[in-house]
């Protein structure tokens, strides 16, 4: 079988394949990049499971892809309600 023209075969390392859960996201940026820290916030101490650093232009494409996939999800499963701001331990923005 041949791959569709836009398909890219990606090898996922075994330690990455298991995935990780994050209930907190911290976002920071400079003029050159955005830093996304995915954090599991549980006692006794929050732990950063992944840090993803991306170029601002790439971040815009990520946001567009997330919006498109959320729209597809909601078309199939119904509207996702926005939850109340979790305050401490939710989604944070830093500079």
Protein backbone atom coordinates (compact mmCIF):
# COMPACT_ATOMS: atom_id res chain seq x y z
CA UNK A 1 0.00 0.00 0.00
CA UNK A 2 1.21 3.50 -0.72
CA UNK A 3 0.88 6.37 1.70
CA UNK A 4 -1.48 9.24 0.91
CA UNK A 5 0.54 12.27 -0.34
CA UNK A 6 0.25 14.26 2.94
CA UNK A 7 0.81 11.34 5.30
CA UNK A 8 4.02 11.32 7.29
CA UNK A 9 5.12 8.18 9.09
CA UNK A 10 6.31 9.16 12.57
CA UNK A 11 8.12 6.93 15.02
CA UNK A 12 6.97 7.62 18.56
CA UNK A 13 9.49 6.69 21.23
CA UNK A 14 8.18 4.14 23.73
CA UNK A 15 8.43 6.55 26.67
CA UNK A 16 6.42 9.16 24.73
CA UNK A 17 3.87 6.67 23.38
CA UNK A 18 2.28 6.11 26.79
CA UNK A 19 1.27 9.78 26.88
CA UNK A 20 0.81 11.94 29.91
CA UNK A 21 -2.05 13.73 31.62
CA UNK A 22 -2.00 17.46 32.30
CA UNK A 23 -4.59 19.47 34.18
CA UNK A 24 -2.62 22.69 34.11
CA UNK A 25 -1.03 24.62 31.26
CA UNK A 26 1.40 27.48 31.67
CA UNK A 27 2.16 29.62 28.64
CA UNK A 28 5.11 31.99 28.36
CA UNK A 29 6.59 33.76 25.37
CA UNK A 30 9.45 35.85 24.12
CA UNK A 31 9.78 37.64 20.80
CA UNK A 32 11.07 34.41 19.23
CA UNK A 33 9.09 31.56 20.79
CA UNK A 34 6.20 30.32 22.90
CA UNK A 35 6.82 27.91 25.77
CA UNK A 36 3.96 25.57 26.72
CA UNK A 37 4.41 23.72 30.02
CA UNK A 38 1.93 20.86 30.51
CA UNK A 39 1.65 20.19 34.23
CA UNK A 40 -0.03 17.55 36.37
CA UNK A 41 -1.06 19.56 39.41
CA UNK A 42 -1.57 17.16 42.32
CA UNK A 43 -0.31 17.11 45.91
CA UNK A 44 2.29 17.06 47.20
CA UNK A 45 3.83 18.97 44.26
CA UNK A 46 2.88 19.78 40.65
CA UNK A 47 5.09 18.13 38.00
CA UNK A 48 5.74 19.36 34.47
CA UNK A 49 5.10 16.36 32.19
CA UNK A 50 6.11 18.10 28.98
CA UNK A 51 7.54 21.38 27.76
CA UNK A 52 6.88 22.28 24.14
CA UNK A 53 8.67 25.25 22.59
CA UNK A 54 7.32 26.56 19.29
CA UNK A 55 7.75 29.48 16.91
CA UNK A 56 4.87 32.04 17.00
CA UNK A 57 3.90 31.20 13.41
CA UNK A 58 3.72 27.52 14.23
CA UNK A 59 1.65 28.27 17.34
CA UNK A 60 -0.97 29.92 15.10
CA UNK A 61 -1.15 26.72 13.02
CA UNK A 62 -1.49 24.64 16.21
CA UNK A 63 -4.35 26.86 17.40
CA UNK A 64 -6.08 26.55 14.00
CA UNK A 65 -5.69 22.75 14.06
CA UNK A 66 -7.09 22.58 17.61
CA UNK A 67 -10.07 24.78 16.65
CA UNK A 68 -10.78 22.63 13.59
CA UNK A 69 -10.57 19.39 15.57
CA UNK A 70 -12.77 20.78 18.37
CA UNK A 71 -15.39 21.75 15.76
CA UNK A 72 -15.29 18.22 14.32
CA UNK A 73 -15.55 16.73 17.82
CA UNK A 74 -18.52 18.93 18.72
CA UNK A 75 -20.27 18.11 15.43
CA UNK A 76 -20.05 14.42 16.36
CA UNK A 77 -20.44 14.49 20.15
CA UNK A 78 -22.19 17.76 20.97
CA UNK A 79 -21.07 21.10 22.32
CA UNK A 80 -18.35 21.08 24.95
CA UNK A 81 -19.19 23.45 27.79
CA UNK A 82 -16.49 25.84 28.92
CA UNK A 83 -15.81 25.23 32.58
CA UNK A 84 -15.36 27.95 35.16
CA UNK A 85 -11.90 29.47 35.52
CA UNK A 86 -10.06 27.04 37.82
CA UNK A 87 -7.91 29.82 39.24
CA UNK A 88 -4.72 28.49 40.82
CA UNK A 89 -3.73 25.31 38.99
CA UNK A 90 -5.58 25.95 35.74
CA UNK A 91 -4.28 27.62 32.62
CA UNK A 92 -1.74 30.32 33.30
CA UNK A 93 -0.05 32.96 31.25
CA UNK A 94 3.34 34.39 32.06
CA UNK A 95 5.79 36.68 30.30
